[in-house]
C-alpha atoms as a PDB file:
ATOM      1  CA  MET A   1     -12.401  -9.166  34.014  1.00  0.00           C
ATOM      2  CA  GLU A   2     -14.713 -10.092  31.140  1.00  0.00           C
ATOM      3  CA  PRO A   3     -17.732 -10.582  33.462  1.00  0.00           C
ATOM      4  CA  ILE A   4     -17.159  -7.049  34.795  1.00  0.00           C
ATOM      5  CA  ARG A   5     -16.632  -5.623  31.305  1.00  0.00           C
ATOM      6  CA  SER A   6     -19.866  -7.203  30.086  1.00  0.00           C
ATOM      7  CA  LEU A   7     -21.825  -5.241  32.703  1.00  0.00           C
ATOM      8  CA  ILE A   8     -20.406  -1.840  31.748  1.00  0.00           C
ATOM      9  CA  ARG A   9     -22.969   0.030  29.678  1.00  0.00           C
ATOM     10  CA  ASP A  10     -22.111   2.371  26.785  1.00  0.00           C
ATOM     11  CA  VAL A  11     -24.087   5.626  26.829  1.00  0.00           C
ATOM     12  CA  PRO A  12     -23.540   7.709  23.668  1.00  0.00           C
ATOM     13  CA  ASP A  13     -23.499  11.515  23.820  1.00  0.00           C
ATOM     14  CA  PHE A  14     -23.268  11.757  27.612  1.00  0.00           C
ATOM     15  CA  PRO A  15     -22.549  14.151  29.263  1.00  0.00           C
ATOM     16  CA  THR A  16     -22.062  16.051  25.998  1.00  0.00           C
ATOM     17  CA  PRO A  17     -22.479  15.168  22.296  1.00  0.00           C
ATOM     18  CA  GLY A  18     -19.611  13.090  20.929  1.00  0.00           C
ATOM     19  CA  ILE A  19     -18.682  11.475  24.258  1.00  0.00           C
ATOM     20  CA  LEU A  20     -19.194   7.730  24.740  1.00  0.00           C
ATOM     21  CA  PHE A  21     -19.767   7.354  28.474  1.00  0.00           C
ATOM     22  CA  ARG A  22     -18.782   4.047  30.124  1.00  0.00           C
ATOM     23  CA  ASP A  23     -21.444   3.553  32.800  1.00  0.00           C
ATOM     24  CA  ILE A  24     -20.362   1.367  35.721  1.00  0.00           C
ATOM     25  CA  THR A  25     -23.693   1.519  37.591  1.00  0.00           C
ATOM     26  CA  PRO A  26     -24.715  -1.973  36.357  1.00  0.00           C
ATOM     27  CA  VAL A  27     -21.523  -3.292  38.014  1.00  0.00           C
ATOM     28  CA  LEU A  28     -22.556  -1.638  41.268  1.00  0.00           C
ATOM     29  CA  ALA A  29     -26.053  -3.147  41.025  1.00  0.00           C
ATOM     30  CA  ASP A  30     -24.637  -6.667  40.711  1.00  0.00           C
ATOM     31  CA  ALA A  31     -23.455  -7.698  44.194  1.00  0.00           C
ATOM     32  CA  ALA A  32     -21.122 -10.438  42.936  1.00  0.00           C
ATOM     33  CA  ALA A  33     -19.516  -8.171  40.327  1.00  0.00           C
ATOM     34  CA  PHE A  34     -19.096  -5.290  42.771  1.00  0.00           C
ATOM     35  CA  ARG A  35     -17.501  -7.664  45.311  1.00  0.00           C
ATOM     36  CA  GLU A  36     -15.155  -8.999  42.602  1.00  0.00           C
ATOM     37  CA  VAL A  37     -14.011  -5.492  41.665  1.00  0.00           C
ATOM     38  CA  ILE A  38     -13.264  -4.670  45.310  1.00  0.00           C
ATOM     39  CA  ARG A  39     -11.447  -8.007  45.762  1.00  0.00           C
ATOM     40  CA  HIS A  40      -9.188  -7.311  42.768  1.00  0.00           C
ATOM     41  CA  LEU A  41      -8.405  -3.797  43.988  1.00  0.00           C
ATOM     42  CA  VAL A  42      -7.687  -4.999  47.534  1.00  0.00           C
ATOM     43  CA  ASP A  43      -5.409  -7.815  46.317  1.00  0.00           C
ATOM     44  CA  ALA A  44      -3.408  -5.365  44.192  1.00  0.00           C
ATOM     45  CA  ALA A  45      -3.220  -2.759  46.974  1.00  0.00           C
ATOM     46  CA  ARG A  46      -2.176  -4.972  49.905  1.00  0.00           C
ATOM     47  CA  PRO A  47       1.551  -5.058  49.019  1.00  0.00           C
ATOM     48  CA  LEU A  48       1.674  -1.237  48.689  1.00  0.00           C
ATOM     49  CA  GLY A  49       1.556  -0.432  52.417  1.00  0.00           C
ATOM     50  CA  VAL A  50      -1.302   2.033  52.005  1.00  0.00           C
ATOM     51  CA  GLU A  51      -2.233   4.251  54.973  1.00  0.00           C
ATOM     52  CA  LEU A  52      -4.889   6.317  53.182  1.00  0.00           C
ATOM     53  CA  VAL A  53      -7.203   5.770  50.235  1.00  0.00           C
ATOM     54  CA  ALA A  54      -8.068   8.993  48.395  1.00  0.00           C
ATOM     55  CA  GLY A  55     -11.317   8.712  46.456  1.00  0.00           C
ATOM     56  CA  ILE A  56     -12.124  11.232  43.730  1.00  0.00           C
ATOM     57  CA  GLU A  57     -15.704  12.554  43.647  1.00  0.00           C
ATOM     58  CA  SER A  58     -17.984  10.901  43.193  1.00  0.00           C
ATOM     59  CA  ARG A  59     -17.558   7.347  41.987  1.00  0.00           C
ATOM     60  CA  GLY A  60     -14.096   7.172  43.520  1.00  0.00           C
ATOM     61  CA  PHE A  61     -15.889   7.267  46.888  1.00  0.00           C
ATOM     62  CA  ILE A  62     -17.899   4.179  45.943  1.00  0.00           C
ATOM     63  CA  PHE A  63     -14.778   2.096  45.336  1.00  0.00           C
ATOM     64  CA  GLY A  64     -12.496   3.883  47.798  1.00  0.00           C
ATOM     65  CA  ALA A  65     -14.591   3.352  50.923  1.00  0.00           C
ATOM     66  CA  PRO A  66     -14.762  -0.472  50.869  1.00  0.00           C
ATOM     67  CA  LEU A  67     -11.143  -0.590  49.720  1.00  0.00           C
ATOM     68  CA  ALA A  68     -10.063   1.539  52.694  1.00  0.00           C
ATOM     69  CA  VAL A  69     -12.042  -0.657  55.107  1.00  0.00           C
ATOM     70  CA  GLU A  70     -10.482  -3.854  53.733  1.00  0.00           C
ATOM     71  CA  LEU A  71      -6.975  -2.354  53.869  1.00  0.00           C
ATOM     72  CA  GLY A  72      -7.388  -0.900  57.372  1.00  0.00           C
ATOM     73  CA  ALA A  73      -6.676   2.539  55.901  1.00  0.00           C
ATOM     74  CA  GLY A  74      -8.296   5.931  56.277  1.00  0.00           C
ATOM     75  CA  LEU A  75     -10.413   7.493  53.532  1.00  0.00           C
ATOM     76  CA  VAL A  76      -9.754  10.950  52.072  1.00  0.00           C
ATOM     77  CA  PRO A  77     -12.472  12.528  49.929  1.00  0.00           C
ATOM     78  CA  ILE A  78     -11.253  14.615  46.993  1.00  0.00           C
ATOM     79  CA  ARG A  79     -14.178  16.788  45.990  1.00  0.00           C
ATOM     80  CA  LYS A  80     -15.305  19.383  43.510  1.00  0.00           C
ATOM     81  CA  ILE A  81     -15.028  22.957  44.783  1.00  0.00           C
ATOM     82  CA  GLY A  82     -17.234  24.190  47.578  1.00  0.00           C
ATOM     83  CA  LYS A  83     -18.127  20.769  49.010  1.00  0.00           C
ATOM     84  CA  LEU A  84     -15.631  20.466  51.877  1.00  0.00           C
ATOM     85  CA  PRO A  85     -16.331  22.331  55.144  1.00  0.00           C
ATOM     86  CA  SER A  86     -12.811  23.196  56.328  1.00  0.00           C
ATOM     87  CA  ARG A  87      -9.695  24.807  54.844  1.00  0.00           C
ATOM     88  CA  THR A  88      -8.700  23.266  51.491  1.00  0.00           C
ATOM     89  CA  ILE A  89      -6.122  23.220  48.736  1.00  0.00           C
ATOM     90  CA  ARG A  90      -7.342  23.331  45.135  1.00  0.00           C
ATOM     91  CA  ARG A  91      -6.283  22.260  41.643  1.00  0.00           C
ATOM     92  CA  GLU A  92      -7.825  22.973  38.259  1.00  0.00           C
ATOM     93  CA  TYR A  93      -7.812  20.185  35.704  1.00  0.00           C
ATOM     94  CA  ALA A  94      -8.875  19.502  32.130  1.00  0.00           C
ATOM     95  CA  LEU A  95     -11.488  16.903  31.248  1.00  0.00           C
ATOM     96  CA  GLU A  96     -12.133  15.152  27.958  1.00  0.00           C
ATOM     97  CA  TYR A  97     -15.082  17.550  27.591  1.00  0.00           C
ATOM     98  CA  GLY A  98     -14.162  20.708  29.588  1.00  0.00           C
ATOM     99  CA  SER A  99     -12.446  21.694  32.842  1.00  0.00           C
ATOM    100  CA  ASN A 100     -13.175  21.721  36.562  1.00  0.00           C
ATOM    101  CA  GLN A 101     -11.510  22.057  39.958  1.00  0.00           C
ATOM    102  CA  LEU A 102     -10.854  19.677  42.838  1.00  0.00           C
ATOM    103  CA  GLU A 103     -10.242  20.325  46.520  1.00  0.00           C
ATOM    104  CA  MET A 104      -9.087  18.394  49.538  1.00  0.00           C
ATOM    105  CA  HIS A 105      -8.663  19.413  53.168  1.00  0.00           C
ATOM    106  CA  VAL A 106      -5.243  20.792  54.034  1.00  0.00           C
ATOM    107  CA  ASP A 107      -4.970  18.297  56.899  1.00  0.00           C
ATOM    108  CA  ALA A 108      -6.166  15.249  54.914  1.00  0.00           C
ATOM    109  CA  VAL A 109      -2.675  13.838  54.347  1.00  0.00           C
ATOM    110  CA  ARG A 110       0.302  14.008  56.693  1.00  0.00           C
ATOM    111  CA  PRO A 111       3.871  14.122  55.373  1.00  0.00           C
ATOM    112  CA  GLY A 112       5.153  10.665  54.500  1.00  0.00           C
ATOM    113  CA  GLN A 113       1.774   8.916  54.453  1.00  0.00           C
ATOM    114  CA  ARG A 114       1.333   6.366  51.676  1.00  0.00           C
ATOM    115  CA  VAL A 115      -1.785   7.201  49.685  1.00  0.00           C
ATOM    116  CA  LEU A 116      -3.661   5.133  47.119  1.00  0.00           C
ATOM    117  CA  LEU A 117      -5.675   7.214  44.658  1.00  0.00           C
ATOM    118  CA  VAL A 118      -8.943   5.607  43.456  1.00  0.00           C
ATOM    119  CA  ASP A 119     -11.515   6.541  40.821  1.00  0.00           C
ATOM    120  CA  ASP A 120     -13.897   4.698  38.547  1.00  0.00           C
ATOM    121  CA  LEU A 121     -12.414   5.856  35.244  1.00  0.00           C
ATOM    122  CA  LEU A 122      -9.094   7.022  33.819  1.00  0.00           C
ATOM    123  CA  ALA A 123      -9.468   9.025  30.596  1.00  0.00           C
ATOM    124  CA  THR A 124      -7.084  11.915  29.892  1.00  0.00           C
ATOM    125  CA  GLY A 125      -5.579  11.734  33.382  1.00  0.00           C
ATOM    126  CA  GLY A 126      -6.335  15.371  34.214  1.00  0.00           C
ATOM    127  CA  THR A 127      -8.502  14.647  37.239  1.00  0.00           C
ATOM    128  CA  ALA A 128      -6.137  12.050  38.667  1.00  0.00           C
ATOM    129  CA  ARG A 129      -3.097  14.258  38.007  1.00  0.00           C
ATOM    130  CA  ALA A 130      -4.703  17.146  39.915  1.00  0.00           C
ATOM    131  CA  ALA A 131      -5.449  14.803  42.831  1.00  0.00           C
ATOM    132  CA  GLU A 132      -1.906  13.410  42.735  1.00  0.00           C
ATOM    133  CA  GLU A 133      -0.463  16.937  42.841  1.00  0.00           C
ATOM    134  CA  MET A 134      -2.500  17.821  45.935  1.00  0.00           C
ATOM    135  CA  ILE A 135      -1.449  14.607  47.710  1.00  0.00           C
ATOM    136  CA  ARG A 136       2.202  15.418  47.003  1.00  0.00           C
ATOM    137  CA  GLU A 137       1.757  19.072  48.011  1.00  0.00           C
ATOM    138  CA  LEU A 138       0.619  17.915  51.440  1.00  0.00           C
ATOM    139  CA  GLY A 139       3.678  15.659  51.717  1.00  0.00           C
ATOM    140  CA  GLY A 140       2.006  12.362  50.910  1.00  0.00           C
ATOM    141  CA  THR A 141       3.629   9.602  48.906  1.00  0.00           C
ATOM    142  CA  LEU A 142       1.522   8.243  46.074  1.00  0.00           C
ATOM    143  CA  ALA A 143       1.523   4.453  46.480  1.00  0.00           C
ATOM    144  CA  GLY A 144      -0.498   4.001  43.287  1.00  0.00           C
ATOM    145  CA  ALA A 145      -3.526   5.048  41.281  1.00  0.00           C
ATOM    146  CA  PHE A 146      -6.278   2.464  40.728  1.00  0.00           C
ATOM    147  CA  PHE A 147      -9.215   2.658  38.325  1.00  0.00           C
ATOM    148  CA  VAL A 148     -11.994   0.302  37.358  1.00  0.00           C
ATOM    149  CA  VAL A 149     -12.031   1.447  33.705  1.00  0.00           C
ATOM    150  CA  GLU A 150      -9.315   2.980  31.512  1.00  0.00           C
ATOM    151  CA  LEU A 151      -9.787   4.576  28.103  1.00  0.00           C
ATOM    152  CA  THR A 152      -6.317   3.721  26.796  1.00  0.00           C
ATOM    153  CA  ALA A 153      -6.493   5.813  23.605  1.00  0.00           C
ATOM    154  CA  LEU A 154      -6.606   8.970  25.746  1.00  0.00           C
ATOM    155  CA  ARG A 155      -3.245   8.017  27.358  1.00  0.00           C
ATOM    156  CA  GLY A 156      -4.164   9.212  30.849  1.00  0.00           C
ATOM    157  CA  ARG A 157      -1.720   6.905  32.596  1.00  0.00           C
ATOM    158  CA  GLU A 158       1.119   8.925  31.067  1.00  0.00           C
ATOM    159  CA  GLN A 159       0.033  11.842  33.279  1.00  0.00           C
ATOM    160  CA  LEU A 160       0.593   9.836  36.467  1.00  0.00           C
ATOM    161  CA  GLU A 161       3.647   8.717  38.362  1.00  0.00           C
ATOM    162  CA  GLY A 162       4.091   5.308  39.957  1.00  0.00           C
ATOM    163  CA  LYS A 163       1.902   2.226  39.846  1.00  0.00           C
ATOM    164  CA  VAL A 164      -1.253   2.601  37.736  1.00  0.00           C
ATOM    165  CA  LEU A 165      -3.817  -0.206  37.689  1.00  0.00           C
ATOM    166  CA  SER A 166      -7.021  -0.456  35.681  1.00  0.00           C
ATOM    167  CA  LEU A 167      -9.239  -3.522  35.690  1.00  0.00           C
ATOM    168  CA  VAL A 168     -11.010  -3.013  32.334  1.00  0.00           C
ATOM    169  CA  GLN A 169      -9.447  -1.267  29.336  1.00  0.00           C
ATOM    170  CA  TYR A 170     -11.133   0.164  26.257  1.00  0.00           C
END
C-alpha cells in the first residue's frame, strides 16, 4: 500500500485549526492507484457474501459504487440530513471536530441482508458507528466495514463490530 500512501496529501488545519486532514483526492486522480484501491477492497470483500454496499457521504460513495458493481451488490447511500427524498431513519454522531447527523432510507436494507459499510477514512469511529446502528436497526447484518485510510491513534475501530479493514494506517 506504500504507492497509495505516497499519494495521500496532508492538509494542516482543515476543516478546522488543529486538524491534519488526509486528502485522498490525489489517489482518485491517479487511475492506476484508484484501480488498485478498488481491487484490494473487492478482493477482501468477495468472501463476505455481501448483498449491499453502504457508502457514507460523500467519499464513501466514490469507493462504494465501483465496489458494489464488482461484487454484484446493490448500493445504499448514507447521507447527511435532508438529502434523501423518501422516509428515513437518522443517527447523530460525534466527529473529531464536532457533530453531525446521518440518514438512510427506511427501505434501504431488508432484514437479513449482508451489508458492507464503506468510507474513505476511519477516525474516531462515530460516523461509521452511526451508520452501523442504522443498518442493524433495519435488520441488516454488517458483513464488515472497509476504509481506505485509518487514523489508528483515534481508535475508531473499537467502535465497530465485526471485520474492519483499512488499507493505509497513520
